[in-house]
PDB file of N, CA and C in Angstrom:
ATOM      1  N   UNK A   1     -10.094  16.981   2.276  1.00  0.00           N
ATOM      2  CA  UNK A   1     -10.101  16.983   0.877  1.00  0.00           C
ATOM      3  C   UNK A   1      -9.533  15.622   0.252  1.00  0.00           C
ATOM      4  N   UNK A   2     -10.251  14.968  -0.687  1.00  0.00           N
ATOM      5  CA  UNK A   2      -9.877  13.696  -1.126  1.00  0.00           C
ATOM      6  C   UNK A   2      -8.452  13.621  -1.844  1.00  0.00           C
ATOM      7  N   UNK A   3      -8.279  14.853  -2.727  1.00  0.00           N
ATOM      8  CA  UNK A   3      -7.084  14.854  -3.638  1.00  0.00           C
ATOM      9  C   UNK A   3      -5.959  14.898  -2.773  1.00  0.00           C
ATOM     10  N   UNK A   4      -5.859  15.651  -1.584  1.00  0.00           N
ATOM     11  CA  UNK A   4      -4.805  15.573  -0.732  1.00  0.00           C
ATOM     12  C   UNK A   4      -4.439  14.397  -0.041  1.00  0.00           C
ATOM     13  N   UNK A   5      -5.426  13.406   0.249  1.00  0.00           N
ATOM     14  CA  UNK A   5      -5.171  12.099   0.926  1.00  0.00           C
ATOM     15  C   UNK A   5      -4.651  11.271  -0.119  1.00  0.00           C
ATOM     16  N   UNK A   6      -5.187  11.207  -1.360  1.00  0.00           N
ATOM     17  CA  UNK A   6      -4.579  10.289  -2.366  1.00  0.00           C
ATOM     18  C   UNK A   6      -3.047  10.876  -2.677  1.00  0.00           C
ATOM     19  N   UNK A   7      -2.732  12.183  -2.852  1.00  0.00           N
ATOM     20  CA  UNK A   7      -1.474  12.567  -3.073  1.00  0.00           C
ATOM     21  C   UNK A   7      -0.640  11.986  -2.043  1.00  0.00           C
ATOM     22  N   UNK A   8      -0.984  12.355  -0.737  1.00  0.00           N
ATOM     23  CA  UNK A   8      -0.081  12.100   0.380  1.00  0.00           C
ATOM     24  C   UNK A   8       0.145  10.544   0.398  1.00  0.00           C
ATOM     25  N   UNK A   9      -0.928   9.707   0.157  1.00  0.00           N
ATOM     26  CA  UNK A   9      -0.866   8.315   0.162  1.00  0.00           C
ATOM     27  C   UNK A   9       0.311   7.724  -0.953  1.00  0.00           C
ATOM     28  N   UNK A  10       0.167   8.446  -2.189  1.00  0.00           N
ATOM     29  CA  UNK A  10       1.032   7.945  -3.132  1.00  0.00           C
ATOM     30  C   UNK A  10       2.628   8.366  -3.125  1.00  0.00           C
ATOM     31  N   UNK A  11       2.643   9.416  -2.031  1.00  0.00           N
ATOM     32  CA  UNK A  11       4.163   9.817  -1.912  1.00  0.00           C
ATOM     33  C   UNK A  11       4.655   9.032  -0.657  1.00  0.00           C
ATOM     34  N   UNK A  12       3.814   8.304  -0.105  1.00  0.00           N
ATOM     35  CA  UNK A  12       4.346   7.504   1.277  1.00  0.00           C
ATOM     36  C   UNK A  12       5.574   6.700   0.780  1.00  0.00           C
ATOM     37  N   UNK A  13       6.340   6.733   1.971  1.00  0.00           N
ATOM     38  CA  UNK A  13       7.506   5.783   1.895  1.00  0.00           C
ATOM     39  C   UNK A  13       7.283   4.461   1.976  1.00  0.00           C
ATOM     40  N   UNK A  14       5.948   4.017   2.549  1.00  0.00           N
ATOM     41  CA  UNK A  14       5.620   2.788   2.605  1.00  0.00           C
ATOM     42  C   UNK A  14       4.967   2.126   1.352  1.00  0.00           C
ATOM     43  N   UNK A  15       5.117   2.906   0.359  1.00  0.00           N
ATOM     44  CA  UNK A  15       4.646   2.357  -1.124  1.00  0.00           C
ATOM     45  C   UNK A  15       5.652   1.819  -1.868  1.00  0.00           C
ATOM     46  N   UNK A  16       5.445   0.708  -2.411  1.00  0.00           N
ATOM     47  CA  UNK A  16       6.383  -0.148  -3.367  1.00  0.00           C
ATOM     48  C   UNK A  16       5.773   0.049  -4.808  1.00  0.00           C
ATOM     49  N   UNK A  17       6.171   0.870  -5.686  1.00  0.00           N
ATOM     50  CA  UNK A  17       5.659   0.912  -7.113  1.00  0.00           C
ATOM     51  C   UNK A  17       5.987  -0.370  -7.904  1.00  0.00           C
ATOM     52  N   UNK A  18       4.926  -0.862  -8.445  1.00  0.00           N
ATOM     53  CA  UNK A  18       5.113  -2.290  -9.209  1.00  0.00           C
ATOM     54  C   UNK A  18       5.144  -1.838 -10.786  1.00  0.00           C
ATOM     55  N   UNK A  19       4.175  -1.142 -11.202  1.00  0.00           N
ATOM     56  CA  UNK A  19       3.879  -0.694 -12.477  1.00  0.00           C
ATOM     57  C   UNK A  19       2.928   0.151 -12.703  1.00  0.00           C
ATOM     58  N   UNK A  20       3.072   0.913 -13.866  1.00  0.00           N
ATOM     59  CA  UNK A  20       2.108   2.143 -14.127  1.00  0.00           C
ATOM     60  C   UNK A  20       1.769   1.834 -15.716  1.00  0.00           C
ATOM     61  N   UNK A  21       0.508   1.595 -15.868  1.00  0.00           N
ATOM     62  CA  UNK A  21       0.097   1.177 -17.166  1.00  0.00           C
ATOM     63  C   UNK A  21      -0.988   2.217 -17.759  1.00  0.00           C
ATOM     64  N   UNK A  22      -0.714   2.883 -18.766  1.00  0.00           N
ATOM     65  CA  UNK A  22      -1.788   3.869 -19.520  1.00  0.00           C
ATOM     66  C   UNK A  22      -2.376   3.244 -20.593  1.00  0.00           C
ATOM     67  N   UNK A  23      -3.553   3.161 -20.452  1.00  0.00           N
ATOM     68  CA  UNK A  23      -4.593   2.708 -21.526  1.00  0.00           C
ATOM     69  C   UNK A  23      -5.321   3.954 -22.255  1.00  0.00           C
ATOM     70  N   UNK A  24      -6.168   3.887 -23.230  1.00  0.00           N
ATOM     71  CA  UNK A  24      -6.932   4.915 -23.688  1.00  0.00           C
ATOM     72  C   UNK A  24      -7.564   5.690 -22.715  1.00  0.00           C
ATOM     73  N   UNK A  25      -8.397   5.049 -21.888  1.00  0.00           N
ATOM     74  CA  UNK A  25      -9.340   5.906 -20.947  1.00  0.00           C
ATOM     75  C   UNK A  25      -8.918   5.540 -19.399  1.00  0.00           C
ATOM     76  N   UNK A  26      -7.877   5.196 -19.298  1.00  0.00           N
ATOM     77  CA  UNK A  26      -7.313   4.956 -17.610  1.00  0.00           C
ATOM     78  C   UNK A  26      -5.919   4.787 -17.491  1.00  0.00           C
ATOM     79  N   UNK A  27      -5.683   5.070 -16.326  1.00  0.00           N
ATOM     80  CA  UNK A  27      -4.269   4.779 -15.836  1.00  0.00           C
ATOM     81  C   UNK A  27      -4.202   3.724 -14.763  1.00  0.00           C
ATOM     82  N   UNK A  28      -3.373   2.790 -14.801  1.00  0.00           N
ATOM     83  CA  UNK A  28      -3.464   1.718 -13.746  1.00  0.00           C
ATOM     84  C   UNK A  28      -2.212   1.960 -12.900  1.00  0.00           C
ATOM     85  N   UNK A  29      -2.449   2.015 -11.562  1.00  0.00           N
ATOM     86  CA  UNK A  29      -1.245   2.153 -10.815  1.00  0.00           C
ATOM     87  C   UNK A  29      -1.246   0.851 -10.036  1.00  0.00           C
ATOM     88  N   UNK A  30      -0.054  -0.001 -10.189  1.00  0.00           N
ATOM     89  CA  UNK A  30       0.152  -1.116  -9.421  1.00  0.00           C
ATOM     90  C   UNK A  30       1.059  -0.848  -8.252  1.00  0.00           C
ATOM     91  N   UNK A  31       0.705  -1.004  -7.244  1.00  0.00           N
ATOM     92  CA  UNK A  31       1.476  -0.688  -5.994  1.00  0.00           C
ATOM     93  C   UNK A  31       1.164  -1.822  -4.965  1.00  0.00           C
ATOM     94  N   UNK A  32       2.302  -1.810  -3.883  1.00  0.00           N
ATOM     95  CA  UNK A  32       1.891  -2.573  -2.748  1.00  0.00           C
ATOM     96  C   UNK A  32       2.524  -1.936  -1.622  1.00  0.00           C
ATOM     97  N   UNK A  33       2.092  -2.298  -0.233  1.00  0.00           N
ATOM     98  CA  UNK A  33       2.763  -1.664   0.814  1.00  0.00           C
ATOM     99  C   UNK A  33       3.800  -2.444   1.326  1.00  0.00           C
ATOM    100  N   UNK A  34       4.824  -1.731   1.930  1.00  0.00           N
ATOM    101  CA  UNK A  34       5.833  -2.562   2.455  1.00  0.00           C
ATOM    102  C   UNK A  34       5.169  -3.255   3.905  1.00  0.00           C
ATOM    103  N   UNK A  35       5.647  -4.455   4.276  1.00  0.00           N
ATOM    104  CA  UNK A  35       5.151  -5.093   5.296  1.00  0.00           C
ATOM    105  C   UNK A  35       5.840  -4.732   6.610  1.00  0.00           C
ATOM    106  N   UNK A  36       4.805  -4.432   7.511  1.00  0.00           N
ATOM    107  CA  UNK A  36       5.487  -3.865   8.915  1.00  0.00           C
ATOM    108  C   UNK A  36       5.042  -5.042   9.853  1.00  0.00           C
ATOM    109  N   UNK A  37       5.988  -5.364  10.981  1.00  0.00           N
ATOM    110  CA  UNK A  37       5.578  -6.143  12.091  1.00  0.00           C
ATOM    111  C   UNK A  37       4.599  -5.662  12.783  1.00  0.00           C
ATOM    112  N   UNK A  38       3.480  -6.432  13.213  1.00  0.00           N
ATOM    113  CA  UNK A  38       2.290  -6.145  13.926  1.00  0.00           C
ATOM    114  C   UNK A  38       2.070  -7.207  14.846  1.00  0.00           C
ATOM    115  N   UNK A  39       1.329  -6.888  15.903  1.00  0.00           N
ATOM    116  CA  UNK A  39       0.876  -7.942  16.778  1.00  0.00           C
ATOM    117  C   UNK A  39      -0.477  -8.546  16.383  1.00  0.00           C
ATOM    118  N   UNK A  40      -0.319  -9.942  16.365  1.00  0.00           N
ATOM    119  CA  UNK A  40      -1.633 -10.816  15.745  1.00  0.00           C
ATOM    120  C   UNK A  40      -2.796 -10.511  16.957  1.00  0.00           C
ATOM    121  N   UNK A  41      -3.892  -9.979  16.580  1.00  0.00           N
ATOM    122  CA  UNK A  41      -4.862 -10.072  17.636  1.00  0.00           C
ATOM    123  C   UNK A  41      -5.445 -11.352  18.094  1.00  0.00           C
ATOM    124  N   UNK A  42      -5.196 -12.382  17.410  1.00  0.00           N
ATOM    125  CA  UNK A  42      -5.672 -13.590  17.941  1.00  0.00           C
ATOM    126  C   UNK A  42      -4.653 -14.330  18.844  1.00  0.00           C
ATOM    127  N   UNK A  43      -3.414 -14.493  18.449  1.00  0.00           N
ATOM    128  CA  UNK A  43      -2.348 -15.147  19.369  1.00  0.00           C
ATOM    129  C   UNK A  43      -1.426 -14.415  20.081  1.00  0.00           C
ATOM    130  N   UNK A  44      -1.351 -12.897  19.733  1.00  0.00           N
ATOM    131  CA  UNK A  44      -0.489 -12.057  20.473  1.00  0.00           C
ATOM    132  C   UNK A  44       0.782 -12.178  19.952  1.00  0.00           C
ATOM    133  N   UNK A  45       1.352 -12.924  18.970  1.00  0.00           N
ATOM    134  CA  UNK A  45       2.552 -12.934  18.573  1.00  0.00           C
ATOM    135  C   UNK A  45       2.892 -11.956  17.554  1.00  0.00           C
ATOM    136  N   UNK A  46       4.170 -11.436  17.396  1.00  0.00           N
ATOM    137  CA  UNK A  46       4.616 -10.372  16.427  1.00  0.00           C
ATOM    138  C   UNK A  46       4.827 -11.092  15.314  1.00  0.00           C
ATOM    139  N   UNK A  47       4.372 -10.525  14.079  1.00  0.00           N
ATOM    140  CA  UNK A  47       4.387 -11.064  12.796  1.00  0.00           C
ATOM    141  C   UNK A  47       4.396 -10.102  11.698  1.00  0.00           C
ATOM    142  N   UNK A  48       4.956 -10.302  10.582  1.00  0.00           N
ATOM    143  CA  UNK A  48       4.783  -9.719   9.438  1.00  0.00           C
ATOM    144  C   UNK A  48       3.837 -10.179   8.370  1.00  0.00           C
ATOM    145  N   UNK A  49       3.196 -11.280   8.705  1.00  0.00           N
ATOM    146  CA  UNK A  49       2.427 -11.972   7.698  1.00  0.00           C
ATOM    147  C   UNK A  49       1.078 -12.411   8.427  1.00  0.00           C
ATOM    148  N   UNK A  50      -0.157 -12.543   7.583  1.00  0.00           N
ATOM    149  CA  UNK A  50      -1.284 -12.876   8.068  1.00  0.00           C
ATOM    150  C   UNK A  50      -1.198 -14.574   8.320  1.00  0.00           C
ATOM    151  N   UNK A  51      -1.421 -14.835   9.438  1.00  0.00           N
ATOM    152  CA  UNK A  51      -1.545 -16.365   9.852  1.00  0.00           C
ATOM    153  C   UNK A  51      -2.697 -16.615  10.420  1.00  0.00           C
TER     154      UNK A  51
END
């Protein structure tokens, strides 16, 4: 069910809320994800940025 996925996503601890803007016909949710270290598939180094 899509509603559950969206609700769970928005409750995630990995979400950083930037802003919520309400207009006449829409609500804008400005969010970003917390950076997590991962292994670059190209060079194999651990990184938290795209390089």
